[in-house]
Amino acid sequence: MKEEIRKRGLNRVVIASCSPRLHEPTFRAMVADAGLNPYLMEMANLREQVSWVHSHDRRRPPPRRPTS
């Protein structure tokens, strides 16, 4: 990810992953290592705010989006 941040000249980063409580320090350090202000990184909490929302419907899993 650091290489992509540098290669694309990004000045902000949004991370969509699991709980920020567990992963936020890791991603902030990675963003800082890539040369950005670590507070210009934002996290979207997919676990609690997306996946668990659909836990009541056991017939089908939540839709998955391809990663690129």
PDB file of N, CA and C in Angstrom:
ATOM      1  N   MET A   1       0.822  -1.188   0.000  1.00  0.00           N
ATOM      2  CA  MET A   1       0.000   0.000   0.000  1.00  0.00           C
ATOM      3  C   MET A   1       0.868   1.254   0.000  1.00  0.00           C
ATOM      4  N   LYS A   2       1.971   1.196   0.724  1.00  0.00           N
ATOM      5  CA  LYS A   2       2.859   2.366   0.757  1.00  0.00           C
ATOM      6  C   LYS A   2       3.330   2.715  -0.651  1.00  0.00           C
ATOM      7  N   GLU A   3       3.678   1.692  -1.398  1.00  0.00           N
ATOM      8  CA  GLU A   3       4.157   1.913  -2.765  1.00  0.00           C
ATOM      9  C   GLU A   3       3.076   2.555  -3.630  1.00  0.00           C
ATOM     10  N   GLU A   4       1.835   2.097  -3.496  1.00  0.00           N
ATOM     11  CA  GLU A   4       0.727   2.667  -4.273  1.00  0.00           C
ATOM     12  C   GLU A   4       0.454   4.115  -3.871  1.00  0.00           C
ATOM     13  N   ILE A   5       0.554   4.425  -2.596  1.00  0.00           N
ATOM     14  CA  ILE A   5       0.346   5.801  -2.128  1.00  0.00           C
ATOM     15  C   ILE A   5       1.384   6.718  -2.769  1.00  0.00           C
ATOM     16  N   ARG A   6       2.621   6.271  -2.757  1.00  0.00           N
ATOM     17  CA  ARG A   6       3.692   7.073  -3.366  1.00  0.00           C
ATOM     18  C   ARG A   6       3.537   7.161  -4.880  1.00  0.00           C
ATOM     19  N   LYS A   7       3.291   6.027  -5.527  1.00  0.00           N
ATOM     20  CA  LYS A   7       3.202   5.970  -6.982  1.00  0.00           C
ATOM     21  C   LYS A   7       2.078   6.859  -7.520  1.00  0.00           C
ATOM     22  N   ARG A   8       0.954   6.857  -6.832  1.00  0.00           N
ATOM     23  CA  ARG A   8      -0.207   7.623  -7.296  1.00  0.00           C
ATOM     24  C   ARG A   8      -0.234   9.048  -6.765  1.00  0.00           C
ATOM     25  N   GLY A   9       0.697   9.376  -5.881  1.00  0.00           N
ATOM     26  CA  GLY A   9       0.756  10.728  -5.341  1.00  0.00           C
ATOM     27  C   GLY A   9      -0.450  11.077  -4.484  1.00  0.00           C
ATOM     28  N   LEU A  10      -0.945  10.105  -3.733  1.00  0.00           N
ATOM     29  CA  LEU A  10      -2.138  10.342  -2.921  1.00  0.00           C
ATOM     30  C   LEU A  10      -1.838  11.303  -1.776  1.00  0.00           C
ATOM     31  N   ASN A  11      -2.851  12.094  -1.406  1.00  0.00           N
ATOM     32  CA  ASN A  11      -2.686  12.982  -0.257  1.00  0.00           C
ATOM     33  C   ASN A  11      -3.700  12.680   0.846  1.00  0.00           C
ATOM     34  N   ARG A  12      -4.568  11.717   0.601  1.00  0.00           N
ATOM     35  CA  ARG A  12      -5.536  11.239   1.588  1.00  0.00           C
ATOM     36  C   ARG A  12      -5.730   9.751   1.347  1.00  0.00           C
ATOM     37  N   VAL A  13      -6.110   9.004   2.395  1.00  0.00           N
ATOM     38  CA  VAL A  13      -6.330   7.566   2.260  1.00  0.00           C
ATOM     39  C   VAL A  13      -7.562   7.183   3.067  1.00  0.00           C
ATOM     40  N   VAL A  14      -8.428   6.359   2.469  1.00  0.00           N
ATOM     41  CA  VAL A  14      -9.569   5.774   3.174  1.00  0.00           C
ATOM     42  C   VAL A  14      -9.350   4.264   3.173  1.00  0.00           C
ATOM     43  N   ILE A  15      -9.381   3.670   4.347  1.00  0.00           N
ATOM     44  CA  ILE A  15      -9.190   2.236   4.517  1.00  0.00           C
ATOM     45  C   ILE A  15     -10.536   1.626   4.892  1.00  0.00           C
ATOM     46  N   ALA A  16     -10.977   0.624   4.150  1.00  0.00           N
ATOM     47  CA  ALA A  16     -12.199  -0.106   4.476  1.00  0.00           C
ATOM     48  C   ALA A  16     -11.771  -1.479   4.976  1.00  0.00           C
ATOM     49  N   SER A  17     -11.958  -1.725   6.271  1.00  0.00           N
ATOM     50  CA  SER A  17     -11.489  -2.983   6.858  1.00  0.00           C
ATOM     51  C   SER A  17     -12.295  -3.304   8.107  1.00  0.00           C
ATOM     52  N   CYS A  18     -11.709  -4.130   8.944  1.00  0.00           N
ATOM     53  CA  CYS A  18     -12.332  -4.518  10.212  1.00  0.00           C
ATOM     54  C   CYS A  18     -12.254  -3.377  11.222  1.00  0.00           C
ATOM     55  N   SER A  19     -12.434  -3.753  12.440  1.00  0.00           N
ATOM     56  CA  SER A  19     -12.495  -2.810  13.550  1.00  0.00           C
ATOM     57  C   SER A  19     -11.304  -1.854  13.617  1.00  0.00           C
ATOM     58  N   PRO A  20     -11.557  -0.553  13.644  1.00  0.00           N
ATOM     59  CA  PRO A  20     -10.472   0.413  13.805  1.00  0.00           C
ATOM     60  C   PRO A  20      -9.725   0.219  15.125  1.00  0.00           C
ATOM     61  N   ARG A  21     -10.406  -0.260  16.130  1.00  0.00           N
ATOM     62  CA  ARG A  21      -9.755  -0.465  17.427  1.00  0.00           C
ATOM     63  C   ARG A  21      -8.539  -1.375  17.277  1.00  0.00           C
ATOM     64  N   LEU A  22      -8.644  -2.364  16.422  1.00  0.00           N
ATOM     65  CA  LEU A  22      -7.560  -3.317  16.240  1.00  0.00           C
ATOM     66  C   LEU A  22      -6.553  -2.857  15.188  1.00  0.00           C
ATOM     67  N   HIS A  23      -7.013  -2.284  14.091  1.00  0.00           N
ATOM     68  CA  HIS A  23      -6.149  -2.038  12.940  1.00  0.00           C
ATOM     69  C   HIS A  23      -5.739  -0.581  12.708  1.00  0.00           C
ATOM     70  N   GLU A  24      -6.409   0.360  13.337  1.00  0.00           N
ATOM     71  CA  GLU A  24      -6.115   1.765  13.069  1.00  0.00           C
ATOM     72  C   GLU A  24      -4.650   2.140  13.332  1.00  0.00           C
ATOM     73  N   PRO A  25      -4.052   1.730  14.447  1.00  0.00           N
ATOM     74  CA  PRO A  25      -2.637   2.097  14.659  1.00  0.00           C
ATOM     75  C   PRO A  25      -1.718   1.561  13.555  1.00  0.00           C
ATOM     76  N   THR A  26      -1.991   0.360  13.083  1.00  0.00           N
ATOM     77  CA  THR A  26      -1.179  -0.232  12.015  1.00  0.00           C
ATOM     78  C   THR A  26      -1.280   0.583  10.736  1.00  0.00           C
ATOM     79  N   PHE A  27      -2.502   0.943  10.343  1.00  0.00           N
ATOM     80  CA  PHE A  27      -2.685   1.703   9.115  1.00  0.00           C
ATOM     81  C   PHE A  27      -2.163   3.131   9.239  1.00  0.00           C
ATOM     82  N   ARG A  28      -2.314   3.742  10.395  1.00  0.00           N
ATOM     83  CA  ARG A  28      -1.761   5.093  10.588  1.00  0.00           C
ATOM     84  C   ARG A  28      -0.238   5.071  10.440  1.00  0.00           C
ATOM     85  N   ALA A  29       0.408   4.051  11.012  1.00  0.00           N
ATOM     86  CA  ALA A  29       1.862   3.933  10.889  1.00  0.00           C
ATOM     87  C   ALA A  29       2.263   3.708   9.434  1.00  0.00           C
ATOM     88  N   MET A  30       1.517   2.902   8.705  1.00  0.00           N
ATOM     89  CA  MET A  30       1.813   2.642   7.299  1.00  0.00           C
ATOM     90  C   MET A  30       1.687   3.921   6.477  1.00  0.00           C
ATOM     91  N   VAL A  31       0.646   4.699   6.729  1.00  0.00           N
ATOM     92  CA  VAL A  31       0.447   5.955   6.010  1.00  0.00           C
ATOM     93  C   VAL A  31       1.589   6.924   6.321  1.00  0.00           C
ATOM     94  N   ALA A  32       2.000   6.972   7.569  1.00  0.00           N
ATOM     95  CA  ALA A  32       3.129   7.837   7.953  1.00  0.00           C
ATOM     96  C   ALA A  32       4.407   7.378   7.262  1.00  0.00           C
ATOM     97  N   ASP A  33       4.636   6.067   7.187  1.00  0.00           N
ATOM     98  CA  ASP A  33       5.808   5.533   6.494  1.00  0.00           C
ATOM     99  C   ASP A  33       5.792   5.869   5.004  1.00  0.00           C
ATOM    100  N   ALA A  34       4.589   6.042   4.443  1.00  0.00           N
ATOM    101  CA  ALA A  34       4.460   6.401   3.029  1.00  0.00           C
ATOM    102  C   ALA A  34       4.667   7.897   2.803  1.00  0.00           C
ATOM    103  N   GLY A  35       4.833   8.664   3.901  1.00  0.00           N
ATOM    104  CA  GLY A  35       5.121  10.082   3.774  1.00  0.00           C
ATOM    105  C   GLY A  35       3.937  11.006   3.965  1.00  0.00           C
ATOM    106  N   LEU A  36       2.783  10.458   4.376  1.00  0.00           N
ATOM    107  CA  LEU A  36       1.598  11.292   4.612  1.00  0.00           C
ATOM    108  C   LEU A  36       1.414  11.576   6.088  1.00  0.00           C
ATOM    109  N   ASN A  37       0.674  12.626   6.385  1.00  0.00           N
ATOM    110  CA  ASN A  37       0.246  12.888   7.746  1.00  0.00           C
ATOM    111  C   ASN A  37      -0.689  11.739   8.137  1.00  0.00           C
ATOM    112  N   PRO A  38      -0.408  11.009   9.204  1.00  0.00           N
ATOM    113  CA  PRO A  38      -1.246   9.856   9.555  1.00  0.00           C
ATOM    114  C   PRO A  38      -2.686  10.222   9.897  1.00  0.00           C
ATOM    115  N   TYR A  39      -2.948  11.489  10.170  1.00  0.00           N
ATOM    116  CA  TYR A  39      -4.311  11.901  10.487  1.00  0.00           C
ATOM    117  C   TYR A  39      -5.103  12.291   9.242  1.00  0.00           C
ATOM    118  N   LEU A  40      -4.497  12.093   8.069  1.00  0.00           N
ATOM    119  CA  LEU A  40      -5.219  12.262   6.803  1.00  0.00           C
ATOM    120  C   LEU A  40      -5.674  10.907   6.278  1.00  0.00           C
ATOM    121  N   MET A  41      -5.743   9.924   7.171  1.00  0.00           N
ATOM    122  CA  MET A  41      -6.238   8.590   6.866  1.00  0.00           C
ATOM    123  C   MET A  41      -7.538   8.390   7.625  1.00  0.00           C
ATOM    124  N   GLU A  42      -8.533   7.863   6.948  1.00  0.00           N
ATOM    125  CA  GLU A  42      -9.835   7.614   7.573  1.00  0.00           C
ATOM    126  C   GLU A  42     -10.167   6.138   7.411  1.00  0.00           C
ATOM    127  N   MET A  43     -10.853   5.570   8.393  1.00  0.00           N
ATOM    128  CA  MET A  43     -11.228   4.154   8.316  1.00  0.00           C
ATOM    129  C   MET A  43     -12.732   4.003   8.232  1.00  0.00           C
ATOM    130  N   ALA A  44     -13.175   3.114   7.332  1.00  0.00           N
ATOM    131  CA  ALA A  44     -14.577   2.710   7.249  1.00  0.00           C
ATOM    132  C   ALA A  44     -14.664   1.324   7.881  1.00  0.00           C
ATOM    133  N   ASN A  45     -15.450   1.203   8.920  1.00  0.00           N
ATOM    134  CA  ASN A  45     -15.543  -0.033   9.686  1.00  0.00           C
ATOM    135  C   ASN A  45     -16.538  -0.978   9.020  1.00  0.00           C
ATOM    136  N   LEU A  46     -16.049  -1.900   8.213  1.00  0.00           N
ATOM    137  CA  LEU A  46     -16.930  -2.814   7.482  1.00  0.00           C
ATOM    138  C   LEU A  46     -17.535  -3.903   8.360  1.00  0.00           C
ATOM    139  N   ARG A  47     -16.836  -4.303   9.376  1.00  0.00           N
ATOM    140  CA  ARG A  47     -17.320  -5.413  10.190  1.00  0.00           C
ATOM    141  C   ARG A  47     -18.612  -5.056  10.913  1.00  0.00           C
ATOM    142  N   GLU A  48     -18.569  -4.029  11.732  1.00  0.00           N
ATOM    143  CA  GLU A  48     -19.744  -3.686  12.522  1.00  0.00           C
ATOM    144  C   GLU A  48     -20.798  -2.927  11.718  1.00  0.00           C
ATOM    145  N   GLN A  49     -20.373  -2.147  10.729  1.00  0.00           N
ATOM    146  CA  GLN A  49     -21.322  -1.283  10.049  1.00  0.00           C
ATOM    147  C   GLN A  49     -21.854  -1.846   8.740  1.00  0.00           C
ATOM    148  N   VAL A  50     -21.301  -2.975   8.260  1.00  0.00           N
ATOM    149  CA  VAL A  50     -21.794  -3.555   7.018  1.00  0.00           C
ATOM    150  C   VAL A  50     -22.115  -5.030   7.197  1.00  0.00           C
ATOM    151  N   SER A  51     -21.148  -5.828   7.552  1.00  0.00           N
ATOM    152  CA  SER A  51     -21.337  -7.283   7.632  1.00  0.00           C
ATOM    153  C   SER A  51     -22.377  -7.677   8.663  1.00  0.00           C
ATOM    154  N   TRP A  52     -22.255  -7.150   9.866  1.00  0.00           N
ATOM    155  CA  TRP A  52     -23.165  -7.570  10.925  1.00  0.00           C
ATOM    156  C   TRP A  52     -24.588  -7.076  10.702  1.00  0.00           C
ATOM    157  N   VAL A  53     -24.763  -6.083   9.877  1.00  0.00           N
ATOM    158  CA  VAL A  53     -26.104  -5.586   9.582  1.00  0.00           C
ATOM    159  C   VAL A  53     -26.938  -6.670   8.918  1.00  0.00           C
ATOM    160  N   HIS A  54     -26.289  -7.565   8.164  1.00  0.00           N
ATOM    161  CA  HIS A  54     -26.979  -8.614   7.412  1.00  0.00           C
ATOM    162  C   HIS A  54     -26.976  -9.957   8.124  1.00  0.00           C
ATOM    163  N   SER A  55     -26.552 -10.003   9.369  1.00  0.00           N
ATOM    164  CA  SER A  55     -26.419 -11.279  10.061  1.00  0.00           C
ATOM    165  C   SER A  55     -27.753 -11.964  10.322  1.00  0.00           C
ATOM    166  N   HIS A  56     -28.858 -11.239  10.305  1.00  0.00           N
ATOM    167  CA  HIS A  56     -30.168 -11.843  10.548  1.00  0.00           C
ATOM    168  C   HIS A  56     -30.666 -12.658   9.356  1.00  0.00           C
ATOM    169  N   ASP A  57     -30.167 -12.384   8.154  1.00  0.00           N
ATOM    170  CA  ASP A  57     -30.605 -13.088   6.950  1.00  0.00           C
ATOM    171  C   ASP A  57     -29.621 -14.216   6.652  1.00  0.00           C
ATOM    172  N   ARG A  58     -29.898 -15.407   7.152  1.00  0.00           N
ATOM    173  CA  ARG A  58     -28.982 -16.548   7.020  1.00  0.00           C
ATOM    174  C   ARG A  58     -29.099 -17.241   5.652  1.00  0.00           C
ATOM    175  N   ARG A  59     -30.127 -16.914   4.869  1.00  0.00           N
ATOM    176  CA  ARG A  59     -30.329 -17.594   3.582  1.00  0.00           C
ATOM    177  C   ARG A  59     -29.290 -17.228   2.547  1.00  0.00           C
ATOM    178  N   ARG A  60     -28.760 -16.026   2.629  1.00  0.00           N
ATOM    179  CA  ARG A  60     -27.758 -15.627   1.642  1.00  0.00           C
ATOM    180  C   ARG A  60     -26.725 -14.713   2.300  1.00  0.00           C
ATOM    181  N   PRO A  61     -25.502 -14.862   1.867  1.00  0.00           N
ATOM    182  CA  PRO A  61     -24.455 -14.003   2.439  1.00  0.00           C
ATOM    183  C   PRO A  61     -24.574 -12.580   1.932  1.00  0.00           C
ATOM    184  N   PRO A  62     -23.959 -11.623   2.610  1.00  0.00           N
ATOM    185  CA  PRO A  62     -23.987 -10.252   2.108  1.00  0.00           C
ATOM    186  C   PRO A  62     -23.287 -10.172   0.757  1.00  0.00           C
ATOM    187  N   PRO A  63     -23.709  -9.252  -0.105  1.00  0.00           N
ATOM    188  CA  PRO A  63     -23.067  -9.149  -1.418  1.00  0.00           C
ATOM    189  C   PRO A  63     -21.593  -8.799  -1.287  1.00  0.00           C
ATOM    190  N   ARG A  64     -20.802  -9.375  -2.148  1.00  0.00           N
ATOM    191  CA  ARG A  64     -19.361  -9.109  -2.147  1.00  0.00           C
ATOM    192  C   ARG A  64     -19.017  -8.320  -3.393  1.00  0.00           C
ATOM    193  N   ARG A  65     -18.106  -7.386  -3.233  1.00  0.00           N
ATOM    194  CA  ARG A  65     -17.654  -6.574  -4.362  1.00  0.00           C
ATOM    195  C   ARG A  65     -16.240  -7.009  -4.734  1.00  0.00           C
ATOM    196  N   PRO A  66     -15.968  -7.076  -6.017  1.00  0.00           N
ATOM    197  CA  PRO A  66     -14.608  -7.447  -6.414  1.00  0.00           C
ATOM    198  C   PRO A  66     -13.621  -6.366  -6.012  1.00  0.00           C
ATOM    199  N   THR A  67     -12.429  -6.781  -5.657  1.00  0.00           N
ATOM    200  CA  THR A  67     -11.366  -5.827  -5.347  1.00  0.00           C
ATOM    201  C   THR A  67     -10.499  -5.654  -6.577  1.00  0.00           C
ATOM    202  N   SER A  68      -9.956  -4.480  -6.724  1.00  0.00           N
ATOM    203  CA  SER A  68      -9.110  -4.258  -7.900  1.00  0.00           C
ATOM    204  C   SER A  68      -7.782  -3.698  -7.494  1.00  0.00           C
TER     205      SER A  68
END
